[in-house]
Amino acid sequence: MSDDSFIREVNQEIRQEQAKALWNRFGPAAIAVAVVVVLGTAAYVGYQYWVETRANASGDRFSQALTLAGSGKPDEALTELRALETDGYGAYPLLARMRAATVLADKGDLAGAVAEFDKVAADTSIPQVIRDMAKLRAGYILVDTGSYQDVSTRVEVLAADTNTLRHSAREALGLSAWKEGRGKDALAFFEQIVNDEAAPRGLRDRASMMSELIRGSGAS
C-alpha cells in the first residue's frame, strides 16, 4: 500500500469517526428541529387554508345578501346580513353592519339606519376611517329627516381642513343649513368646497350650483 493510499484511508476513518461523533451529539436535536419545521409548516398551511375557506364562505354570503337587496328583498337581505354580523369572518361582520344600515335606509327605515350608523361610529374597536364614514352616512340621511344640529353633531368634526371627508361633510352641512333657511351659513360651506382644488369635480359642480342658487335667491 502506498503512502498516499494509507493517508487517504486514515483520513477517511477520521472523518467517519468525526461524523459519528457529531451525529451522536447533534443528530437527535437535528431530527427534532426537522420535525418541528415540518409540523410548523403543515400547521401554517392548514391555518391559511382554514382562514381562506372561512373568508370565502363569508364573502359568498355577503354577495348573496347584496343580490337579495338588489332584487327587492330587503328583509331577506337583512336576515343574512344580521347572521354575518354574528358569525362572519374577517372584515365581513363590519361590512354587514354597514350594508344592513344602508338596506334599512333603502326600505324607508331612516331612523333605524341612522341608529345603525351611529352604533358603528361609536364603536372604538372599528378603524377610524370606517367610523367617520358611518358618521357621514348618518349625516346625509339627517339632511332630509333631522335638524341642522343633528347633522352637525355627526359631521362637523369631519369638515376640518385636514380631514379627507371634508368635502362631503361640508356639503351635508351646507344642505342642512340651506334647508333651515340659514343661507349665509350654507353659502360659506359651499364656497369652501368650490375653493378647495382637492374637492372632487362632481361635488364642486354641485357646490357651485348651490352657491349660485343661494346668491340668486338673496338668502345670503
N, C-alpha and C. Protein backbone atom coordinates (compact mmCIF):
# COMPACT_ATOMS: atom_id res chain seq x y z
N MET A 1 0.85 -1.19 0.00
CA MET A 1 0.00 0.00 0.00
C MET A 1 0.88 1.23 0.00
N SER A 2 0.58 2.14 -0.90
CA SER A 2 1.37 3.37 -0.98
C SER A 2 1.05 4.27 0.18
N ASP A 3 1.97 5.22 0.39
CA ASP A 3 1.74 6.20 1.47
C ASP A 3 0.48 7.00 1.23
N ASP A 4 0.22 7.35 -0.04
CA ASP A 4 -0.98 8.16 -0.35
C ASP A 4 -2.24 7.39 -0.01
N SER A 5 -2.27 6.12 -0.38
CA SER A 5 -3.45 5.31 -0.10
C SER A 5 -3.65 5.18 1.40
N PHE A 6 -2.55 4.96 2.12
CA PHE A 6 -2.64 4.82 3.57
C PHE A 6 -3.19 6.10 4.20
N ILE A 7 -2.70 7.25 3.73
CA ILE A 7 -3.14 8.53 4.28
C ILE A 7 -4.63 8.75 4.00
N ARG A 8 -5.05 8.39 2.77
CA ARG A 8 -6.47 8.56 2.42
C ARG A 8 -7.36 7.70 3.31
N GLU A 9 -6.95 6.45 3.57
CA GLU A 9 -7.75 5.57 4.41
C GLU A 9 -7.82 6.10 5.84
N VAL A 10 -6.68 6.60 6.33
CA VAL A 10 -6.67 7.15 7.68
C VAL A 10 -7.59 8.37 7.76
N ASN A 11 -7.47 9.25 6.76
CA ASN A 11 -8.32 10.44 6.74
C ASN A 11 -9.80 10.07 6.67
N GLN A 12 -10.11 9.03 5.88
CA GLN A 12 -11.49 8.59 5.76
C GLN A 12 -12.02 8.07 7.09
N GLU A 13 -11.19 7.29 7.79
CA GLU A 13 -11.60 6.77 9.09
C GLU A 13 -11.80 7.90 10.09
N ILE A 14 -10.92 8.88 10.02
CA ILE A 14 -11.04 10.03 10.93
C ILE A 14 -12.35 10.78 10.67
N ARG A 15 -12.63 10.98 9.36
CA ARG A 15 -13.86 11.70 9.01
C ARG A 15 -15.09 10.92 9.46
N GLN A 16 -15.04 9.62 9.29
CA GLN A 16 -16.17 8.79 9.71
C GLN A 16 -16.37 8.86 11.22
N GLU A 17 -15.25 8.81 11.95
CA GLU A 17 -15.34 8.90 13.40
C GLU A 17 -15.87 10.27 13.83
N GLN A 18 -15.41 11.34 13.13
CA GLN A 18 -15.90 12.68 13.46
C GLN A 18 -17.39 12.81 13.15
N ALA A 19 -17.79 12.25 11.98
CA ALA A 19 -19.19 12.33 11.60
C ALA A 19 -20.06 11.56 12.60
N LYS A 20 -19.56 10.39 13.03
CA LYS A 20 -20.30 9.60 14.01
C LYS A 20 -20.45 10.34 15.32
N ALA A 21 -19.34 11.00 15.74
CA ALA A 21 -19.38 11.75 16.99
C ALA A 21 -20.35 12.92 16.90
N LEU A 22 -20.30 13.60 15.75
CA LEU A 22 -21.22 14.74 15.55
C LEU A 22 -22.68 14.27 15.55
N TRP A 23 -22.92 13.14 14.89
CA TRP A 23 -24.30 12.62 14.84
C TRP A 23 -24.78 12.23 16.23
N ASN A 24 -23.89 11.54 16.98
CA ASN A 24 -24.27 11.14 18.34
C ASN A 24 -24.57 12.36 19.21
N ARG A 25 -23.87 13.46 18.91
CA ARG A 25 -24.04 14.65 19.74
C ARG A 25 -25.22 15.51 19.29
N PHE A 26 -25.33 15.69 17.97
CA PHE A 26 -26.35 16.63 17.46
C PHE A 26 -27.46 15.98 16.65
N GLY A 27 -27.35 14.72 16.33
CA GLY A 27 -28.33 14.05 15.49
C GLY A 27 -29.75 14.14 16.03
N PRO A 28 -29.99 13.74 17.29
CA PRO A 28 -31.36 13.81 17.81
C PRO A 28 -31.94 15.22 17.78
N ALA A 29 -31.08 16.21 18.07
CA ALA A 29 -31.56 17.60 18.04
C ALA A 29 -31.92 18.01 16.62
N ALA A 30 -31.11 17.56 15.65
CA ALA A 30 -31.39 17.89 14.25
C ALA A 30 -32.71 17.29 13.80
N ILE A 31 -32.95 16.03 14.23
CA ILE A 31 -34.22 15.39 13.89
C ILE A 31 -35.38 16.15 14.51
N ALA A 32 -35.21 16.55 15.76
CA ALA A 32 -36.27 17.29 16.45
C ALA A 32 -36.58 18.60 15.74
N VAL A 33 -35.52 19.32 15.33
CA VAL A 33 -35.71 20.59 14.61
C VAL A 33 -36.43 20.35 13.29
N ALA A 34 -36.04 19.30 12.59
CA ALA A 34 -36.67 18.99 11.30
C ALA A 34 -38.15 18.68 11.49
N VAL A 35 -38.46 17.93 12.54
CA VAL A 35 -39.86 17.59 12.81
C VAL A 35 -40.66 18.84 13.13
N VAL A 36 -40.07 19.73 13.95
CA VAL A 36 -40.76 20.97 14.31
C VAL A 36 -41.02 21.81 13.06
N VAL A 37 -40.01 21.90 12.18
CA VAL A 37 -40.17 22.68 10.94
C VAL A 37 -41.29 22.11 10.08
N VAL A 38 -41.29 20.79 9.92
CA VAL A 38 -42.32 20.14 9.09
C VAL A 38 -43.70 20.35 9.68
N LEU A 39 -43.82 20.11 11.00
CA LEU A 39 -45.11 20.28 11.66
C LEU A 39 -45.57 21.73 11.62
N GLY A 40 -44.61 22.66 11.83
CA GLY A 40 -44.95 24.08 11.79
C GLY A 40 -45.44 24.50 10.42
N THR A 41 -44.75 24.02 9.38
CA THR A 41 -45.16 24.34 8.01
C THR A 41 -46.54 23.78 7.71
N ALA A 42 -46.76 22.54 8.14
CA ALA A 42 -48.07 21.92 7.91
C ALA A 42 -49.17 22.68 8.65
N ALA A 43 -48.87 23.10 9.88
CA ALA A 43 -49.86 23.85 10.65
C ALA A 43 -50.18 25.18 10.01
N TYR A 44 -49.13 25.87 9.51
CA TYR A 44 -49.33 27.17 8.87
C TYR A 44 -50.18 27.03 7.61
N VAL A 45 -49.83 26.04 6.78
CA VAL A 45 -50.58 25.81 5.55
C VAL A 45 -52.04 25.46 5.88
N GLY A 46 -52.21 24.63 6.90
CA GLY A 46 -53.57 24.27 7.31
C GLY A 46 -54.36 25.46 7.81
N TYR A 47 -53.68 26.31 8.58
CA TYR A 47 -54.36 27.51 9.10
C TYR A 47 -54.73 28.46 7.97
N GLN A 48 -53.81 28.64 7.02
CA GLN A 48 -54.09 29.52 5.89
C GLN A 48 -55.29 29.00 5.09
N TYR A 49 -55.36 27.70 4.92
CA TYR A 49 -56.48 27.10 4.20
C TYR A 49 -57.78 27.33 4.96
N TRP A 50 -57.72 27.18 6.27
CA TRP A 50 -58.91 27.38 7.12
C TRP A 50 -59.38 28.83 7.04
N VAL A 51 -58.41 29.77 7.11
CA VAL A 51 -58.76 31.19 7.03
C VAL A 51 -59.38 31.51 5.68
N GLU A 52 -58.74 31.01 4.61
CA GLU A 52 -59.23 31.29 3.27
C GLU A 52 -60.62 30.70 3.05
N THR A 53 -60.83 29.51 3.58
CA THR A 53 -62.13 28.86 3.42
C THR A 53 -63.22 29.65 4.13
N ARG A 54 -62.94 30.10 5.36
CA ARG A 54 -63.93 30.87 6.10
C ARG A 54 -64.19 32.22 5.44
N ALA A 55 -63.13 32.87 4.98
CA ALA A 55 -63.29 34.16 4.32
C ALA A 55 -64.11 34.02 3.03
N ASN A 56 -63.82 32.97 2.26
CA ASN A 56 -64.56 32.74 1.02
C ASN A 56 -66.04 32.48 1.31
N ALA A 57 -66.30 31.71 2.36
CA ALA A 57 -67.69 31.42 2.71
C ALA A 57 -68.43 32.69 3.12
N SER A 58 -67.77 33.53 3.91
CA SER A 58 -68.39 34.79 4.32
C SER A 58 -68.59 35.71 3.12
N GLY A 59 -67.61 35.72 2.22
CA GLY A 59 -67.74 36.52 1.02
C GLY A 59 -68.92 36.09 0.16
N ASP A 60 -69.11 34.79 0.04
CA ASP A 60 -70.25 34.28 -0.73
C ASP A 60 -71.57 34.69 -0.09
N ARG A 61 -71.63 34.61 1.21
CA ARG A 61 -72.86 35.00 1.91
C ARG A 61 -73.13 36.49 1.77
N PHE A 62 -72.06 37.29 1.83
CA PHE A 62 -72.22 38.74 1.68
C PHE A 62 -72.72 39.07 0.27
N SER A 63 -72.15 38.40 -0.73
CA SER A 63 -72.60 38.62 -2.11
C SER A 63 -74.06 38.23 -2.27
N GLN A 64 -74.47 37.15 -1.62
CA GLN A 64 -75.86 36.72 -1.69
C GLN A 64 -76.78 37.75 -1.06
N ALA A 65 -76.34 38.34 0.05
CA ALA A 65 -77.15 39.38 0.70
C ALA A 65 -77.29 40.60 -0.21
N LEU A 66 -76.20 40.98 -0.90
CA LEU A 66 -76.27 42.11 -1.83
C LEU A 66 -77.24 41.80 -2.97
N THR A 67 -77.22 40.56 -3.44
CA THR A 67 -78.13 40.16 -4.51
C THR A 67 -79.58 40.25 -4.05
N LEU A 68 -79.83 39.81 -2.83
CA LEU A 68 -81.19 39.89 -2.29
C LEU A 68 -81.64 41.34 -2.17
N ALA A 69 -80.74 42.19 -1.68
CA ALA A 69 -81.09 43.61 -1.53
C ALA A 69 -81.36 44.25 -2.88
N GLY A 70 -80.56 43.88 -3.88
CA GLY A 70 -80.75 44.44 -5.21
C GLY A 70 -81.94 43.87 -5.94
N SER A 71 -82.48 42.77 -5.44
CA SER A 71 -83.63 42.12 -6.07
C SER A 71 -84.95 42.49 -5.40
N GLY A 72 -84.92 43.52 -4.57
CA GLY A 72 -86.15 43.95 -3.90
C GLY A 72 -86.57 43.04 -2.76
N LYS A 73 -85.59 42.40 -2.12
CA LYS A 73 -85.89 41.53 -0.98
C LYS A 73 -85.10 42.01 0.25
N PRO A 74 -85.41 43.22 0.74
CA PRO A 74 -84.61 43.80 1.83
C PRO A 74 -84.68 43.01 3.13
N ASP A 75 -85.85 42.44 3.43
CA ASP A 75 -85.97 41.70 4.69
C ASP A 75 -85.09 40.45 4.68
N GLU A 76 -85.09 39.74 3.55
CA GLU A 76 -84.24 38.56 3.44
C GLU A 76 -82.76 38.96 3.48
N ALA A 77 -82.45 40.08 2.83
CA ALA A 77 -81.07 40.57 2.85
C ALA A 77 -80.65 40.91 4.27
N LEU A 78 -81.52 41.54 5.01
CA LEU A 78 -81.21 41.91 6.39
C LEU A 78 -80.99 40.67 7.25
N THR A 79 -81.78 39.64 7.02
CA THR A 79 -81.61 38.40 7.79
C THR A 79 -80.21 37.82 7.57
N GLU A 80 -79.78 37.80 6.31
CA GLU A 80 -78.45 37.26 6.00
C GLU A 80 -77.36 38.17 6.56
N LEU A 81 -77.55 39.46 6.46
CA LEU A 81 -76.54 40.39 6.96
C LEU A 81 -76.42 40.32 8.48
N ARG A 82 -77.54 40.19 9.17
CA ARG A 82 -77.50 40.06 10.63
C ARG A 82 -76.76 38.80 11.04
N ALA A 83 -76.97 37.72 10.28
CA ALA A 83 -76.26 36.47 10.58
C ALA A 83 -74.76 36.66 10.37
N LEU A 84 -74.38 37.37 9.31
CA LEU A 84 -72.96 37.62 9.05
C LEU A 84 -72.33 38.47 10.15
N GLU A 85 -73.09 39.40 10.70
CA GLU A 85 -72.58 40.23 11.79
C GLU A 85 -72.17 39.35 12.97
N THR A 86 -72.88 38.24 13.16
CA THR A 86 -72.65 37.37 14.30
C THR A 86 -71.56 36.34 14.04
N ASP A 87 -71.62 35.69 12.87
CA ASP A 87 -70.69 34.57 12.65
C ASP A 87 -69.85 34.72 11.39
N GLY A 88 -69.82 35.90 10.80
CA GLY A 88 -68.97 36.11 9.63
C GLY A 88 -67.50 36.15 10.02
N TYR A 89 -66.64 36.13 9.02
CA TYR A 89 -65.21 36.08 9.28
C TYR A 89 -64.51 37.27 8.64
N GLY A 90 -63.41 37.70 9.24
CA GLY A 90 -62.62 38.79 8.68
C GLY A 90 -63.34 40.11 8.75
N ALA A 91 -63.34 40.84 7.65
CA ALA A 91 -63.96 42.16 7.60
C ALA A 91 -65.46 42.08 7.34
N TYR A 92 -65.98 40.89 7.08
CA TYR A 92 -67.38 40.78 6.66
C TYR A 92 -68.39 41.15 7.74
N PRO A 93 -68.15 40.88 9.02
CA PRO A 93 -69.12 41.35 10.02
C PRO A 93 -69.30 42.87 10.00
N LEU A 94 -68.20 43.60 9.84
CA LEU A 94 -68.29 45.06 9.78
C LEU A 94 -68.96 45.51 8.48
N LEU A 95 -68.59 44.89 7.36
CA LEU A 95 -69.24 45.21 6.10
C LEU A 95 -70.74 44.94 6.18
N ALA A 96 -71.10 43.86 6.86
CA ALA A 96 -72.51 43.52 7.01
C ALA A 96 -73.25 44.57 7.83
N ARG A 97 -72.60 45.11 8.86
CA ARG A 97 -73.24 46.15 9.67
C ARG A 97 -73.50 47.40 8.84
N MET A 98 -72.51 47.80 8.08
CA MET A 98 -72.66 49.00 7.25
C MET A 98 -73.72 48.78 6.17
N ARG A 99 -73.70 47.62 5.55
CA ARG A 99 -74.66 47.35 4.49
C ARG A 99 -76.08 47.22 5.04
N ALA A 100 -76.21 46.64 6.22
CA ALA A 100 -77.53 46.50 6.83
C ALA A 100 -78.15 47.87 7.07
N ALA A 101 -77.35 48.83 7.52
CA ALA A 101 -77.85 50.18 7.73
C ALA A 101 -78.32 50.79 6.41
N THR A 102 -77.57 50.53 5.34
CA THR A 102 -77.97 51.04 4.03
C THR A 102 -79.27 50.41 3.56
N VAL A 103 -79.43 49.11 3.79
CA VAL A 103 -80.67 48.43 3.41
C VAL A 103 -81.86 49.01 4.18
N LEU A 104 -81.66 49.30 5.45
CA LEU A 104 -82.72 49.93 6.23
C LEU A 104 -83.12 51.28 5.63
N ALA A 105 -82.13 52.05 5.24
CA ALA A 105 -82.41 53.35 4.62
C ALA A 105 -83.17 53.16 3.30
N ASP A 106 -82.74 52.19 2.50
CA ASP A 106 -83.38 51.95 1.20
C ASP A 106 -84.84 51.53 1.35
N LYS A 107 -85.14 50.81 2.43
CA LYS A 107 -86.53 50.36 2.62
C LYS A 107 -87.36 51.38 3.38
N GLY A 108 -86.78 52.55 3.69
CA GLY A 108 -87.54 53.63 4.29
C GLY A 108 -87.42 53.76 5.79
N ASP A 109 -86.69 52.87 6.42
CA ASP A 109 -86.49 52.96 7.87
C ASP A 109 -85.29 53.85 8.14
N LEU A 110 -85.48 55.16 7.96
CA LEU A 110 -84.37 56.10 8.07
C LEU A 110 -83.87 56.23 9.51
N ALA A 111 -84.80 56.21 10.45
CA ALA A 111 -84.39 56.30 11.86
C ALA A 111 -83.57 55.08 12.25
N GLY A 112 -83.99 53.92 11.78
CA GLY A 112 -83.24 52.70 12.07
C GLY A 112 -81.87 52.73 11.43
N ALA A 113 -81.78 53.27 10.21
CA ALA A 113 -80.49 53.36 9.52
C ALA A 113 -79.55 54.29 10.27
N VAL A 114 -80.06 55.44 10.71
CA VAL A 114 -79.23 56.39 11.46
C VAL A 114 -78.73 55.74 12.74
N ALA A 115 -79.62 55.01 13.42
CA ALA A 115 -79.23 54.35 14.66
C ALA A 115 -78.12 53.34 14.42
N GLU A 116 -78.19 52.60 13.31
CA GLU A 116 -77.16 51.62 13.00
C GLU A 116 -75.83 52.29 12.68
N PHE A 117 -75.88 53.35 11.90
CA PHE A 117 -74.65 54.07 11.58
C PHE A 117 -74.05 54.70 12.84
N ASP A 118 -74.90 55.20 13.71
CA ASP A 118 -74.40 55.78 14.96
C ASP A 118 -73.69 54.74 15.82
N LYS A 119 -74.21 53.51 15.81
CA LYS A 119 -73.57 52.44 16.59
C LYS A 119 -72.18 52.15 16.05
N VAL A 120 -72.07 52.11 14.72
CA VAL A 120 -70.75 51.86 14.12
C VAL A 120 -69.80 53.01 14.46
N ALA A 121 -70.30 54.24 14.36
CA ALA A 121 -69.47 55.41 14.63
C ALA A 121 -68.97 55.45 16.07
N ALA A 122 -69.75 54.88 16.98
CA ALA A 122 -69.39 54.91 18.40
C ALA A 122 -68.54 53.73 18.83
N ASP A 123 -68.33 52.77 17.94
CA ASP A 123 -67.59 51.54 18.29
C ASP A 123 -66.09 51.79 18.13
N THR A 124 -65.39 51.92 19.24
CA THR A 124 -63.96 52.25 19.20
C THR A 124 -63.09 51.09 18.72
N SER A 125 -63.66 49.91 18.56
CA SER A 125 -62.88 48.78 18.05
C SER A 125 -62.79 48.81 16.53
N ILE A 126 -63.53 49.70 15.92
CA ILE A 126 -63.57 49.80 14.46
C ILE A 126 -62.58 50.86 13.99
N PRO A 127 -61.89 50.65 12.87
CA PRO A 127 -60.96 51.65 12.35
C PRO A 127 -61.64 53.01 12.19
N GLN A 128 -60.88 54.07 12.48
CA GLN A 128 -61.45 55.42 12.49
C GLN A 128 -62.05 55.80 11.14
N VAL A 129 -61.44 55.39 10.04
CA VAL A 129 -61.95 55.77 8.73
C VAL A 129 -63.35 55.22 8.50
N ILE A 130 -63.63 54.02 9.00
CA ILE A 130 -64.97 53.43 8.84
C ILE A 130 -65.95 54.15 9.76
N ARG A 131 -65.50 54.48 10.96
CA ARG A 131 -66.37 55.23 11.87
C ARG A 131 -66.74 56.58 11.28
N ASP A 132 -65.78 57.23 10.64
CA ASP A 132 -66.06 58.52 10.00
C ASP A 132 -67.05 58.37 8.86
N MET A 133 -66.91 57.29 8.09
CA MET A 133 -67.85 57.04 7.00
C MET A 133 -69.26 56.85 7.55
N ALA A 134 -69.37 56.16 8.68
CA ALA A 134 -70.68 55.94 9.29
C ALA A 134 -71.29 57.27 9.74
N LYS A 135 -70.46 58.15 10.31
CA LYS A 135 -70.95 59.48 10.71
C LYS A 135 -71.48 60.24 9.49
N LEU A 136 -70.74 60.17 8.41
CA LEU A 136 -71.12 60.89 7.21
C LEU A 136 -72.42 60.35 6.63
N ARG A 137 -72.55 59.02 6.60
CA ARG A 137 -73.78 58.42 6.07
C ARG A 137 -74.98 58.83 6.91
N ALA A 138 -74.81 58.82 8.22
CA ALA A 138 -75.91 59.25 9.10
C ALA A 138 -76.24 60.72 8.86
N GLY A 139 -75.19 61.53 8.67
CA GLY A 139 -75.40 62.95 8.44
C GLY A 139 -76.19 63.22 7.18
N TYR A 140 -75.88 62.52 6.11
CA TYR A 140 -76.60 62.72 4.85
C TYR A 140 -78.08 62.34 5.00
N ILE A 141 -78.36 61.27 5.72
CA ILE A 141 -79.76 60.88 5.93
C ILE A 141 -80.49 61.97 6.71
N LEU A 142 -79.81 62.53 7.70
CA LEU A 142 -80.44 63.52 8.57
C LEU A 142 -80.59 64.88 7.89
N VAL A 143 -79.95 65.10 6.75
CA VAL A 143 -80.19 66.33 5.99
C VAL A 143 -81.68 66.44 5.68
N ASP A 144 -82.30 65.32 5.34
CA ASP A 144 -83.73 65.30 4.98
C ASP A 144 -84.64 65.05 6.17
N THR A 145 -84.15 64.34 7.17
CA THR A 145 -85.06 63.90 8.24
C THR A 145 -84.78 64.54 9.59
N GLY A 146 -83.69 65.26 9.73
CA GLY A 146 -83.34 65.84 11.02
C GLY A 146 -83.08 67.32 10.94
N SER A 147 -82.52 67.85 12.01
CA SER A 147 -82.21 69.28 12.07
C SER A 147 -80.75 69.51 11.70
N TYR A 148 -80.41 70.79 11.56
CA TYR A 148 -79.01 71.14 11.30
C TYR A 148 -78.14 70.65 12.46
N GLN A 149 -78.65 70.77 13.67
CA GLN A 149 -77.89 70.32 14.83
C GLN A 149 -77.64 68.82 14.77
N ASP A 150 -78.63 68.06 14.31
CA ASP A 150 -78.45 66.61 14.17
C ASP A 150 -77.31 66.30 13.21
N VAL A 151 -77.31 67.01 12.09
CA VAL A 151 -76.26 66.79 11.08
C VAL A 151 -74.91 67.24 11.62
N SER A 152 -74.87 68.43 12.21
CA SER A 152 -73.62 68.99 12.70
C SER A 152 -72.99 68.12 13.78
N THR A 153 -73.81 67.56 14.64
CA THR A 153 -73.29 66.71 15.71
C THR A 153 -72.46 65.56 15.16
N ARG A 154 -72.84 65.09 13.99
CA ARG A 154 -72.16 63.92 13.42
C ARG A 154 -71.02 64.27 12.47
N VAL A 155 -71.18 65.33 11.69
CA VAL A 155 -70.21 65.54 10.62
C VAL A 155 -69.35 66.79 10.76
N GLU A 156 -69.64 67.66 11.73
CA GLU A 156 -68.85 68.89 11.83
C GLU A 156 -67.37 68.60 12.02
N VAL A 157 -67.06 67.56 12.80
CA VAL A 157 -65.66 67.22 13.03
C VAL A 157 -64.98 66.76 11.74
N LEU A 158 -65.77 66.26 10.79
CA LEU A 158 -65.22 65.78 9.52
C LEU A 158 -64.95 66.91 8.54
N ALA A 159 -65.47 68.10 8.84
CA ALA A 159 -65.32 69.24 7.92
C ALA A 159 -64.00 69.97 8.10
N ALA A 160 -63.16 69.52 9.01
CA ALA A 160 -61.86 70.17 9.24
C ALA A 160 -61.00 70.10 7.99
N ASP A 161 -60.12 71.08 7.83
CA ASP A 161 -59.31 71.19 6.61
C ASP A 161 -58.43 69.97 6.36
N THR A 162 -58.08 69.24 7.40
CA THR A 162 -57.17 68.11 7.25
C THR A 162 -57.88 66.77 7.05
N ASN A 163 -59.21 66.79 7.10
CA ASN A 163 -59.96 65.53 7.00
C ASN A 163 -60.26 65.21 5.54
N THR A 164 -60.01 63.98 5.14
CA THR A 164 -60.22 63.59 3.74
C THR A 164 -61.70 63.60 3.35
N LEU A 165 -62.59 63.55 4.33
CA LEU A 165 -64.02 63.55 4.04
C LEU A 165 -64.63 64.96 4.14
N ARG A 166 -63.78 65.97 4.22
CA ARG A 166 -64.27 67.33 4.48
C ARG A 166 -65.23 67.83 3.40
N HIS A 167 -64.99 67.44 2.16
CA HIS A 167 -65.83 67.96 1.07
C HIS A 167 -67.28 67.48 1.23
N SER A 168 -67.44 66.19 1.46
CA SER A 168 -68.79 65.65 1.64
C SER A 168 -69.42 66.16 2.93
N ALA A 169 -68.61 66.28 3.98
CA ALA A 169 -69.14 66.78 5.25
C ALA A 169 -69.64 68.21 5.09
N ARG A 170 -68.91 69.02 4.36
CA ARG A 170 -69.33 70.41 4.14
C ARG A 170 -70.59 70.47 3.28
N GLU A 171 -70.70 69.56 2.34
CA GLU A 171 -71.92 69.52 1.53
C GLU A 171 -73.13 69.20 2.40
N ALA A 172 -72.99 68.20 3.28
CA ALA A 172 -74.10 67.84 4.16
C ALA A 172 -74.46 69.01 5.07
N LEU A 173 -73.46 69.69 5.61
CA LEU A 173 -73.72 70.84 6.46
C LEU A 173 -74.38 71.98 5.67
N GLY A 174 -73.90 72.21 4.45
CA GLY A 174 -74.47 73.26 3.63
C GLY A 174 -75.91 72.99 3.27
N LEU A 175 -76.22 71.77 2.88
CA LEU A 175 -77.59 71.41 2.53
C LEU A 175 -78.51 71.53 3.73
N SER A 176 -78.03 71.09 4.89
CA SER A 176 -78.85 71.16 6.09
C SER A 176 -79.09 72.61 6.50
N ALA A 177 -78.06 73.44 6.40
CA ALA A 177 -78.22 74.86 6.73
C ALA A 177 -79.19 75.53 5.76
N TRP A 178 -79.09 75.21 4.48
CA TRP A 178 -80.00 75.78 3.47
C TRP A 178 -81.44 75.37 3.75
N LYS A 179 -81.62 74.11 4.15
CA LYS A 179 -82.98 73.63 4.44
C LYS A 179 -83.61 74.40 5.59
N GLU A 180 -82.79 74.82 6.55
CA GLU A 180 -83.30 75.56 7.71
C GLU A 180 -83.31 77.07 7.49
N GLY A 181 -83.04 77.51 6.27
CA GLY A 181 -83.09 78.92 5.97
C GLY A 181 -81.87 79.70 6.40
N ARG A 182 -80.78 79.02 6.65
CA ARG A 182 -79.54 79.68 7.06
C ARG A 182 -78.66 79.85 5.83
N GLY A 183 -79.11 80.75 4.95
CA GLY A 183 -78.45 80.92 3.67
C GLY A 183 -76.99 81.32 3.76
N LYS A 184 -76.68 82.23 4.67
CA LYS A 184 -75.30 82.68 4.81
C LYS A 184 -74.37 81.55 5.23
N ASP A 185 -74.82 80.75 6.19
CA ASP A 185 -74.00 79.61 6.63
C ASP A 185 -73.85 78.59 5.51
N ALA A 186 -74.96 78.34 4.80
CA ALA A 186 -74.92 77.37 3.71
C ALA A 186 -73.94 77.82 2.63
N LEU A 187 -74.00 79.11 2.28
CA LEU A 187 -73.12 79.63 1.24
C LEU A 187 -71.65 79.48 1.64
N ALA A 188 -71.36 79.70 2.91
CA ALA A 188 -69.97 79.57 3.39
C ALA A 188 -69.46 78.15 3.18
N PHE A 189 -70.30 77.15 3.49
CA PHE A 189 -69.89 75.76 3.31
C PHE A 189 -69.67 75.44 1.84
N PHE A 190 -70.59 75.87 0.98
CA PHE A 190 -70.47 75.56 -0.44
C PHE A 190 -69.27 76.26 -1.07
N GLU A 191 -68.99 77.47 -0.62
CA GLU A 191 -67.82 78.17 -1.16
C GLU A 191 -66.52 77.51 -0.71
N GLN A 192 -66.52 76.93 0.48
CA GLN A 192 -65.33 76.18 0.90
C GLN A 192 -65.05 75.03 -0.06
N ILE A 193 -66.11 74.38 -0.49
CA ILE A 193 -65.94 73.27 -1.43
C ILE A 193 -65.45 73.77 -2.78
N VAL A 194 -66.08 74.84 -3.28
CA VAL A 194 -65.71 75.38 -4.59
C VAL A 194 -64.25 75.82 -4.60
N ASN A 195 -63.79 76.38 -3.51
CA ASN A 195 -62.43 76.93 -3.45
C ASN A 195 -61.37 75.90 -3.09
N ASP A 196 -61.79 74.70 -2.84
CA ASP A 196 -60.85 73.63 -2.48
C ASP A 196 -60.54 72.81 -3.73
N GLU A 197 -59.34 72.97 -4.26
CA GLU A 197 -58.98 72.28 -5.50
C GLU A 197 -58.93 70.76 -5.35
N ALA A 198 -58.86 70.31 -4.12
CA ALA A 198 -58.81 68.86 -3.89
C ALA A 198 -60.20 68.23 -3.91
N ALA A 199 -61.24 69.04 -3.95
CA ALA A 199 -62.60 68.51 -3.94
C ALA A 199 -62.90 67.81 -5.26
N PRO A 200 -63.62 66.70 -5.24
CA PRO A 200 -63.99 66.01 -6.48
C PRO A 200 -64.79 66.94 -7.39
N ARG A 201 -64.62 66.78 -8.67
CA ARG A 201 -65.24 67.70 -9.63
C ARG A 201 -66.76 67.72 -9.51
N GLY A 202 -67.35 66.54 -9.40
CA GLY A 202 -68.81 66.48 -9.31
C GLY A 202 -69.33 67.22 -8.09
N LEU A 203 -68.62 67.07 -6.97
CA LEU A 203 -69.03 67.74 -5.75
C LEU A 203 -68.84 69.25 -5.87
N ARG A 204 -67.77 69.67 -6.50
CA ARG A 204 -67.53 71.11 -6.71
C ARG A 204 -68.60 71.70 -7.61
N ASP A 205 -69.02 70.95 -8.63
CA ASP A 205 -70.07 71.43 -9.53
C ASP A 205 -71.38 71.63 -8.77
N ARG A 206 -71.71 70.67 -7.91
CA ARG A 206 -72.94 70.80 -7.12
C ARG A 206 -72.85 71.98 -6.17
N ALA A 207 -71.68 72.15 -5.55
CA ALA A 207 -71.49 73.27 -4.62
C ALA A 207 -71.59 74.61 -5.35
N SER A 208 -71.04 74.67 -6.56
CA SER A 208 -71.11 75.90 -7.34
C SER A 208 -72.56 76.23 -7.70
N MET A 209 -73.29 75.20 -8.07
CA MET A 209 -74.71 75.39 -8.40
C MET A 209 -75.49 75.89 -7.19
N MET A 210 -75.23 75.31 -6.04
CA MET A 210 -75.93 75.74 -4.82
C MET A 210 -75.54 77.17 -4.45
N SER A 211 -74.28 77.51 -4.63
CA SER A 211 -73.82 78.87 -4.32
C SER A 211 -74.57 79.89 -5.19
N GLU A 212 -74.69 79.57 -6.48
CA GLU A 212 -75.41 80.46 -7.39
C GLU A 212 -76.88 80.56 -7.01
N LEU A 213 -77.46 79.43 -6.62
CA LEU A 213 -78.86 79.41 -6.21
C LEU A 213 -79.08 80.29 -4.99
N ILE A 214 -78.21 80.19 -4.02
CA ILE A 214 -78.35 80.96 -2.78
C ILE A 214 -78.18 82.45 -3.06
N ARG A 215 -77.19 82.79 -3.85
CA ARG A 215 -77.00 84.20 -4.19
C ARG A 215 -78.18 84.75 -4.99
N GLY A 216 -78.67 83.92 -5.91
CA GLY A 216 -79.79 84.37 -6.74
C GLY A 216 -81.07 84.57 -5.96
N SER A 217 -81.21 83.79 -4.90
CA SER A 217 -82.42 83.90 -4.08
C SER A 217 -82.34 85.05 -3.09
N GLY A 218 -81.16 85.62 -2.93
CA GLY A 218 -80.98 86.71 -1.96
C GLY A 218 -80.91 86.23 -0.53
N ALA A 219 -80.88 84.89 -0.34
CA ALA A 219 -80.89 84.36 1.02
C ALA A 219 -79.56 84.55 1.74
N SER A 220 -78.52 84.90 0.99
CA SER A 220 -77.21 85.04 1.63
C SER A 220 -77.02 86.42 2.23
